Amino acid sequence: MSIKDIQEEIIDEFAMFDDWMQRYEYMIELGKSLPLIDERYKTDDYIIKGCQSKVWVHADLKDGKIFFTADSDAIITKGIIAILVRTFSGQPPEEIINADTAYIDEIGLKEHLSPTRANGLVSMIKQIKLYAVAYQAQLS
């Protein structure tokens, strides 16, 4: 499934909820289904800078695709990173680098986050794309 297809799926899922309390509950559920990061990656080397909460992201390159694992010490933040992992995991580096993240605005996520969480979201996307750039360089 392409990044665009996954983004459309997420937009449709968020559209099913009437209000933001339901969407937050859904995000918390998504966070619970996040593939668990190996404890050895829960170090400062893998922490996302710029997040109010602690968020760790690890990436592995397998067969030309990047697979992400992540965790957070905050339930809403864990839901946010779960959305990003779902969107980008299993995709080739070039597609991650070139991916549009407007779907985040379409589901209204950024406008319903505190300024510090919104900054954290931007930092998470930036880190995922940095992993993609690094792996793309390895493949070239």
N, C-alpha and C. Protein backbone atom coordinates (compact mmCIF):
# COMPACT_ATOMS: atom_id res chain seq x y z
N MET A 1 0.85 -1.18 0.00
CA MET A 1 0.00 0.00 0.00
C MET A 1 0.89 1.24 0.00
N SER A 2 0.54 2.19 -0.82
CA SER A 2 1.35 3.41 -0.92
C SER A 2 1.12 4.34 0.28
N ILE A 3 2.03 5.27 0.47
CA ILE A 3 1.89 6.26 1.54
C ILE A 3 0.58 7.02 1.35
N LYS A 4 0.29 7.41 0.12
CA LYS A 4 -0.94 8.17 -0.17
C LYS A 4 -2.18 7.36 0.21
N ASP A 5 -2.19 6.05 -0.10
CA ASP A 5 -3.33 5.19 0.25
C ASP A 5 -3.51 5.10 1.76
N ILE A 6 -2.40 4.96 2.47
CA ILE A 6 -2.46 4.88 3.94
C ILE A 6 -2.99 6.20 4.50
N GLN A 7 -2.51 7.32 3.95
CA GLN A 7 -2.97 8.63 4.41
C GLN A 7 -4.48 8.77 4.19
N GLU A 8 -4.97 8.32 3.03
CA GLU A 8 -6.41 8.38 2.74
C GLU A 8 -7.19 7.55 3.75
N GLU A 9 -6.67 6.39 4.09
CA GLU A 9 -7.30 5.51 5.08
C GLU A 9 -7.42 6.22 6.43
N ILE A 10 -6.33 6.86 6.83
CA ILE A 10 -6.30 7.57 8.12
C ILE A 10 -7.30 8.74 8.10
N ILE A 11 -7.35 9.47 7.01
CA ILE A 11 -8.31 10.58 6.88
C ILE A 11 -9.73 10.04 7.02
N ASP A 12 -10.03 8.93 6.34
CA ASP A 12 -11.37 8.32 6.43
C ASP A 12 -11.69 7.87 7.85
N GLU A 13 -10.70 7.26 8.52
CA GLU A 13 -10.92 6.80 9.89
C GLU A 13 -11.23 7.97 10.83
N PHE A 14 -10.49 9.05 10.71
CA PHE A 14 -10.71 10.20 11.58
C PHE A 14 -12.05 10.88 11.27
N ALA A 15 -12.49 10.79 10.02
CA ALA A 15 -13.77 11.40 9.63
C ALA A 15 -14.96 10.68 10.27
N MET A 16 -14.76 9.45 10.71
CA MET A 16 -15.85 8.68 11.33
C MET A 16 -16.25 9.23 12.70
N PHE A 17 -15.35 10.00 13.32
CA PHE A 17 -15.61 10.49 14.67
C PHE A 17 -16.20 11.88 14.63
N ASP A 18 -17.16 12.10 15.53
CA ASP A 18 -17.88 13.37 15.56
C ASP A 18 -17.11 14.48 16.25
N ASP A 19 -16.33 14.13 17.25
CA ASP A 19 -15.64 15.19 18.00
C ASP A 19 -14.22 14.76 18.34
N TRP A 20 -13.48 15.74 18.88
CA TRP A 20 -12.07 15.48 19.15
C TRP A 20 -11.82 14.58 20.35
N MET A 21 -12.78 14.47 21.26
CA MET A 21 -12.60 13.53 22.37
C MET A 21 -12.55 12.11 21.82
N GLN A 22 -13.42 11.81 20.86
CA GLN A 22 -13.43 10.47 20.24
C GLN A 22 -12.14 10.24 19.45
N ARG A 23 -11.68 11.28 18.78
CA ARG A 23 -10.44 11.15 18.01
C ARG A 23 -9.24 10.92 18.92
N TYR A 24 -9.21 11.61 20.07
CA TYR A 24 -8.12 11.39 21.03
C TYR A 24 -8.16 9.95 21.54
N GLU A 25 -9.36 9.46 21.84
CA GLU A 25 -9.50 8.07 22.31
C GLU A 25 -8.99 7.11 21.25
N TYR A 26 -9.31 7.40 19.98
CA TYR A 26 -8.84 6.56 18.88
C TYR A 26 -7.32 6.60 18.78
N MET A 27 -6.74 7.78 18.94
CA MET A 27 -5.28 7.92 18.90
C MET A 27 -4.63 7.12 20.03
N ILE A 28 -5.25 7.13 21.19
CA ILE A 28 -4.72 6.35 22.32
C ILE A 28 -4.74 4.86 21.97
N GLU A 29 -5.83 4.41 21.34
CA GLU A 29 -5.92 3.01 20.90
C GLU A 29 -4.83 2.69 19.87
N LEU A 30 -4.61 3.61 18.94
CA LEU A 30 -3.56 3.41 17.94
C LEU A 30 -2.20 3.28 18.62
N GLY A 31 -1.98 4.09 19.63
CA GLY A 31 -0.72 4.04 20.38
C GLY A 31 -0.51 2.69 21.04
N LYS A 32 -1.60 2.07 21.51
CA LYS A 32 -1.50 0.76 22.15
C LYS A 32 -1.12 -0.33 21.15
N SER A 33 -1.43 -0.10 19.87
CA SER A 33 -1.13 -1.11 18.84
C SER A 33 0.22 -0.87 18.16
N LEU A 34 0.94 0.12 18.63
CA LEU A 34 2.25 0.47 18.06
C LEU A 34 3.23 -0.70 18.23
N PRO A 35 3.94 -1.08 17.13
CA PRO A 35 4.97 -2.13 17.30
C PRO A 35 6.01 -1.66 18.31
N LEU A 36 6.24 -2.46 19.32
CA LEU A 36 7.12 -2.03 20.41
C LEU A 36 8.57 -1.92 19.98
N ILE A 37 9.16 -0.84 20.41
CA ILE A 37 10.58 -0.61 20.15
C ILE A 37 11.39 -1.46 21.12
N ASP A 38 12.48 -2.00 20.65
CA ASP A 38 13.38 -2.77 21.51
C ASP A 38 13.92 -1.82 22.59
N GLU A 39 13.97 -2.30 23.81
CA GLU A 39 14.41 -1.48 24.94
C GLU A 39 15.80 -0.86 24.71
N ARG A 40 16.65 -1.55 23.93
CA ARG A 40 18.00 -1.01 23.71
C ARG A 40 17.99 0.27 22.88
N TYR A 41 16.85 0.57 22.24
CA TYR A 41 16.73 1.81 21.47
C TYR A 41 16.07 2.94 22.26
N LYS A 42 15.74 2.67 23.50
CA LYS A 42 15.14 3.72 24.34
C LYS A 42 16.25 4.47 25.07
N THR A 43 17.11 5.07 24.24
CA THR A 43 18.23 5.85 24.76
C THR A 43 18.20 7.24 24.11
N ASP A 44 19.07 8.10 24.58
CA ASP A 44 19.14 9.46 24.04
C ASP A 44 19.49 9.49 22.55
N ASP A 45 20.15 8.44 22.06
CA ASP A 45 20.51 8.40 20.64
C ASP A 45 19.27 8.33 19.73
N TYR A 46 18.19 7.80 20.25
CA TYR A 46 16.98 7.59 19.44
C TYR A 46 15.83 8.50 19.84
N ILE A 47 16.08 9.37 20.78
CA ILE A 47 15.01 10.26 21.26
C ILE A 47 14.80 11.40 20.26
N ILE A 48 13.56 11.80 20.10
CA ILE A 48 13.23 12.91 19.19
C ILE A 48 13.44 14.21 19.95
N LYS A 49 14.32 15.04 19.42
CA LYS A 49 14.56 16.35 20.03
C LYS A 49 13.40 17.28 19.65
N GLY A 50 12.98 18.10 20.57
CA GLY A 50 11.91 19.05 20.28
C GLY A 50 10.54 18.58 20.74
N CYS A 51 10.48 17.40 21.36
CA CYS A 51 9.21 16.91 21.89
C CYS A 51 9.15 17.17 23.39
N GLN A 52 7.98 17.56 23.84
CA GLN A 52 7.75 17.78 25.26
C GLN A 52 7.83 16.44 26.00
N SER A 53 7.22 15.41 25.41
CA SER A 53 7.27 14.06 25.97
C SER A 53 8.49 13.36 25.41
N LYS A 54 8.81 12.22 26.01
CA LYS A 54 9.89 11.41 25.45
C LYS A 54 9.33 10.55 24.33
N VAL A 55 9.97 10.63 23.18
CA VAL A 55 9.59 9.82 22.02
C VAL A 55 10.87 9.24 21.43
N TRP A 56 10.87 7.90 21.30
CA TRP A 56 12.01 7.22 20.70
C TRP A 56 11.57 6.63 19.37
N VAL A 57 12.41 6.77 18.35
CA VAL A 57 12.13 6.19 17.04
C VAL A 57 13.38 5.48 16.55
N HIS A 58 13.18 4.26 16.09
CA HIS A 58 14.27 3.48 15.51
C HIS A 58 13.85 3.05 14.11
N ALA A 59 14.80 3.01 13.19
CA ALA A 59 14.52 2.61 11.82
C ALA A 59 15.49 1.53 11.37
N ASP A 60 14.96 0.56 10.64
CA ASP A 60 15.77 -0.49 10.03
C ASP A 60 15.47 -0.53 8.54
N LEU A 61 16.50 -0.75 7.75
CA LEU A 61 16.32 -0.89 6.31
C LEU A 61 16.35 -2.38 5.98
N LYS A 62 15.25 -2.87 5.36
CA LYS A 62 15.16 -4.26 4.93
C LYS A 62 14.61 -4.30 3.53
N ASP A 63 15.35 -4.93 2.63
CA ASP A 63 14.90 -5.09 1.24
C ASP A 63 14.51 -3.76 0.59
N GLY A 64 15.28 -2.72 0.89
CA GLY A 64 15.04 -1.42 0.26
C GLY A 64 13.89 -0.63 0.86
N LYS A 65 13.35 -1.10 1.98
CA LYS A 65 12.25 -0.39 2.66
C LYS A 65 12.64 -0.14 4.11
N ILE A 66 12.11 0.96 4.65
CA ILE A 66 12.42 1.32 6.04
C ILE A 66 11.27 0.89 6.94
N PHE A 67 11.63 0.25 8.03
CA PHE A 67 10.64 -0.18 9.02
C PHE A 67 10.95 0.53 10.33
N PHE A 68 9.92 1.19 10.86
CA PHE A 68 10.07 1.99 12.07
C PHE A 68 9.45 1.30 13.27
N THR A 69 10.08 1.46 14.41
CA THR A 69 9.48 1.13 15.70
C THR A 69 9.63 2.38 16.55
N ALA A 70 8.71 2.54 17.50
CA ALA A 70 8.72 3.76 18.30
C ALA A 70 8.02 3.53 19.63
N ASP A 71 8.20 4.49 20.51
CA ASP A 71 7.49 4.48 21.79
C ASP A 71 7.50 5.89 22.34
N SER A 72 6.61 6.14 23.29
CA SER A 72 6.57 7.41 23.99
C SER A 72 6.11 7.18 25.41
N ASP A 73 6.47 8.10 26.28
CA ASP A 73 6.04 8.00 27.67
C ASP A 73 4.70 8.71 27.90
N ALA A 74 4.08 9.25 26.84
CA ALA A 74 2.79 9.94 26.95
C ALA A 74 1.80 9.30 25.97
N ILE A 75 0.57 9.06 26.43
CA ILE A 75 -0.37 8.29 25.61
C ILE A 75 -0.82 8.99 24.33
N ILE A 76 -1.03 10.29 24.37
CA ILE A 76 -1.43 11.01 23.14
C ILE A 76 -0.25 11.03 22.16
N THR A 77 0.92 11.31 22.69
CA THR A 77 2.12 11.35 21.84
C THR A 77 2.38 9.98 21.23
N LYS A 78 2.14 8.93 21.98
CA LYS A 78 2.31 7.57 21.47
C LYS A 78 1.33 7.33 20.30
N GLY A 79 0.13 7.89 20.42
CA GLY A 79 -0.84 7.80 19.33
C GLY A 79 -0.39 8.56 18.09
N ILE A 80 0.22 9.72 18.30
CA ILE A 80 0.71 10.53 17.17
C ILE A 80 1.82 9.78 16.44
N ILE A 81 2.78 9.25 17.18
CA ILE A 81 3.88 8.53 16.52
C ILE A 81 3.36 7.25 15.87
N ALA A 82 2.30 6.65 16.44
CA ALA A 82 1.70 5.45 15.83
C ALA A 82 1.14 5.78 14.45
N ILE A 83 0.52 6.94 14.30
CA ILE A 83 -0.01 7.37 13.00
C ILE A 83 1.14 7.52 12.00
N LEU A 84 2.23 8.12 12.44
CA LEU A 84 3.38 8.33 11.55
C LEU A 84 4.06 7.01 11.19
N VAL A 85 4.20 6.12 12.16
CA VAL A 85 4.81 4.81 11.89
C VAL A 85 3.94 4.04 10.89
N ARG A 86 2.64 4.08 11.10
CA ARG A 86 1.73 3.39 10.17
C ARG A 86 1.86 3.96 8.76
N THR A 87 2.01 5.26 8.66
CA THR A 87 2.10 5.92 7.36
C THR A 87 3.40 5.58 6.64
N PHE A 88 4.51 5.60 7.35
CA PHE A 88 5.82 5.54 6.69
C PHE A 88 6.54 4.20 6.78
N SER A 89 6.19 3.35 7.72
CA SER A 89 6.89 2.09 7.87
C SER A 89 6.61 1.17 6.69
N GLY A 90 7.66 0.51 6.22
CA GLY A 90 7.51 -0.41 5.09
C GLY A 90 7.55 0.27 3.74
N GLN A 91 8.00 1.53 3.73
CA GLN A 91 8.07 2.30 2.49
C GLN A 91 9.52 2.52 2.08
N PRO A 92 9.78 2.68 0.78
CA PRO A 92 11.14 2.99 0.33
C PRO A 92 11.56 4.39 0.77
N PRO A 93 12.85 4.58 1.05
CA PRO A 93 13.33 5.90 1.51
C PRO A 93 12.90 7.06 0.61
N GLU A 94 13.00 6.90 -0.70
CA GLU A 94 12.68 7.98 -1.62
C GLU A 94 11.22 8.43 -1.47
N GLU A 95 10.32 7.46 -1.27
CA GLU A 95 8.90 7.82 -1.11
C GLU A 95 8.64 8.54 0.20
N ILE A 96 9.37 8.15 1.25
CA ILE A 96 9.24 8.83 2.54
C ILE A 96 9.74 10.27 2.42
N ILE A 97 10.88 10.44 1.77
CA ILE A 97 11.47 11.78 1.60
C ILE A 97 10.50 12.70 0.85
N ASN A 98 9.88 12.16 -0.20
CA ASN A 98 9.01 12.97 -1.05
C ASN A 98 7.55 13.03 -0.61
N ALA A 99 7.22 12.33 0.47
CA ALA A 99 5.83 12.26 0.91
C ALA A 99 5.32 13.61 1.41
N ASP A 100 4.10 13.89 1.01
CA ASP A 100 3.39 15.08 1.48
C ASP A 100 2.77 14.72 2.82
N THR A 101 2.83 15.62 3.78
CA THR A 101 2.23 15.34 5.09
C THR A 101 1.00 16.21 5.35
N ALA A 102 0.37 16.66 4.27
CA ALA A 102 -0.83 17.50 4.40
C ALA A 102 -1.98 16.76 5.07
N TYR A 103 -1.96 15.43 5.05
CA TYR A 103 -3.02 14.65 5.70
C TYR A 103 -3.12 14.95 7.19
N ILE A 104 -2.00 15.35 7.80
CA ILE A 104 -1.99 15.73 9.22
C ILE A 104 -2.91 16.93 9.43
N ASP A 105 -2.85 17.89 8.49
CA ASP A 105 -3.73 19.06 8.57
C ASP A 105 -5.17 18.67 8.22
N GLU A 106 -5.33 17.75 7.25
CA GLU A 106 -6.67 17.33 6.84
C GLU A 106 -7.45 16.68 7.98
N ILE A 107 -6.77 15.90 8.82
CA ILE A 107 -7.47 15.28 9.95
C ILE A 107 -7.59 16.26 11.11
N GLY A 108 -6.97 17.45 10.97
CA GLY A 108 -7.10 18.49 11.99
C GLY A 108 -6.21 18.28 13.20
N LEU A 109 -5.23 17.40 13.05
CA LEU A 109 -4.41 17.05 14.21
C LEU A 109 -3.62 18.23 14.75
N LYS A 110 -2.90 18.93 13.89
CA LYS A 110 -2.03 20.01 14.36
C LYS A 110 -2.80 21.08 15.11
N GLU A 111 -3.98 21.44 14.61
CA GLU A 111 -4.75 22.51 15.26
C GLU A 111 -5.36 22.09 16.59
N HIS A 112 -5.40 20.77 16.86
CA HIS A 112 -5.95 20.29 18.12
C HIS A 112 -4.88 19.85 19.12
N LEU A 113 -3.64 20.22 18.82
CA LEU A 113 -2.55 19.92 19.74
C LEU A 113 -2.06 21.21 20.38
N SER A 114 -1.50 21.07 21.56
CA SER A 114 -0.88 22.24 22.19
C SER A 114 0.31 22.64 21.32
N PRO A 115 0.75 23.91 21.41
CA PRO A 115 1.91 24.33 20.60
C PRO A 115 3.14 23.44 20.79
N THR A 116 3.39 22.97 22.01
CA THR A 116 4.58 22.13 22.23
C THR A 116 4.39 20.76 21.58
N ARG A 117 3.17 20.20 21.63
CA ARG A 117 2.92 18.91 20.96
C ARG A 117 2.98 19.08 19.45
N ALA A 118 2.48 20.19 18.93
CA ALA A 118 2.53 20.45 17.48
C ALA A 118 3.99 20.54 17.02
N ASN A 119 4.83 21.19 17.82
CA ASN A 119 6.26 21.25 17.51
C ASN A 119 6.87 19.85 17.54
N GLY A 120 6.44 19.06 18.51
CA GLY A 120 6.92 17.68 18.62
C GLY A 120 6.53 16.86 17.39
N LEU A 121 5.32 17.06 16.90
CA LEU A 121 4.85 16.38 15.70
C LEU A 121 5.76 16.71 14.51
N VAL A 122 6.07 17.98 14.35
CA VAL A 122 6.97 18.41 13.27
C VAL A 122 8.34 17.76 13.44
N SER A 123 8.83 17.69 14.67
CA SER A 123 10.13 17.05 14.94
C SER A 123 10.10 15.56 14.62
N MET A 124 8.98 14.89 14.90
CA MET A 124 8.86 13.46 14.59
C MET A 124 8.92 13.23 13.08
N ILE A 125 8.18 14.04 12.33
CA ILE A 125 8.18 13.92 10.86
C ILE A 125 9.59 14.18 10.33
N LYS A 126 10.22 15.21 10.86
CA LYS A 126 11.57 15.57 10.43
C LYS A 126 12.54 14.41 10.67
N GLN A 127 12.45 13.77 11.83
CA GLN A 127 13.34 12.66 12.17
C GLN A 127 13.10 11.47 11.25
N ILE A 128 11.85 11.16 10.97
CA ILE A 128 11.51 10.05 10.07
C ILE A 128 12.10 10.32 8.68
N LYS A 129 11.98 11.55 8.22
CA LYS A 129 12.52 11.90 6.90
C LYS A 129 14.05 11.90 6.91
N LEU A 130 14.67 12.26 8.06
CA LEU A 130 16.13 12.20 8.16
C LEU A 130 16.64 10.75 8.07
N TYR A 131 15.92 9.83 8.72
CA TYR A 131 16.26 8.41 8.59
C TYR A 131 16.20 8.00 7.11
N ALA A 132 15.15 8.46 6.43
CA ALA A 132 14.98 8.12 5.01
C ALA A 132 16.13 8.66 4.16
N VAL A 133 16.54 9.90 4.44
CA VAL A 133 17.66 10.50 3.71
C VAL A 133 18.94 9.68 3.95
N ALA A 134 19.18 9.30 5.18
CA ALA A 134 20.38 8.53 5.51
C ALA A 134 20.38 7.18 4.80
N TYR A 135 19.24 6.49 4.82
CA TYR A 135 19.16 5.19 4.15
C TYR A 135 19.20 5.33 2.63
N GLN A 136 18.62 6.40 2.11
CA GLN A 136 18.67 6.64 0.67
C GLN A 136 20.13 6.81 0.23
N ALA A 137 20.92 7.50 1.04
CA ALA A 137 22.34 7.71 0.73
C ALA A 137 23.08 6.37 0.72
N GLN A 138 22.71 5.47 1.64
CA GLN A 138 23.33 4.15 1.69
C GLN A 138 23.01 3.33 0.43
N LEU A 139 21.79 3.50 -0.07
CA LEU A 139 21.35 2.73 -1.23
C LEU A 139 21.94 3.26 -2.53
N SER A 140 22.32 4.52 -2.54
CA SER A 140 22.82 5.14 -3.79
C SER A 140 24.22 4.65 -4.14
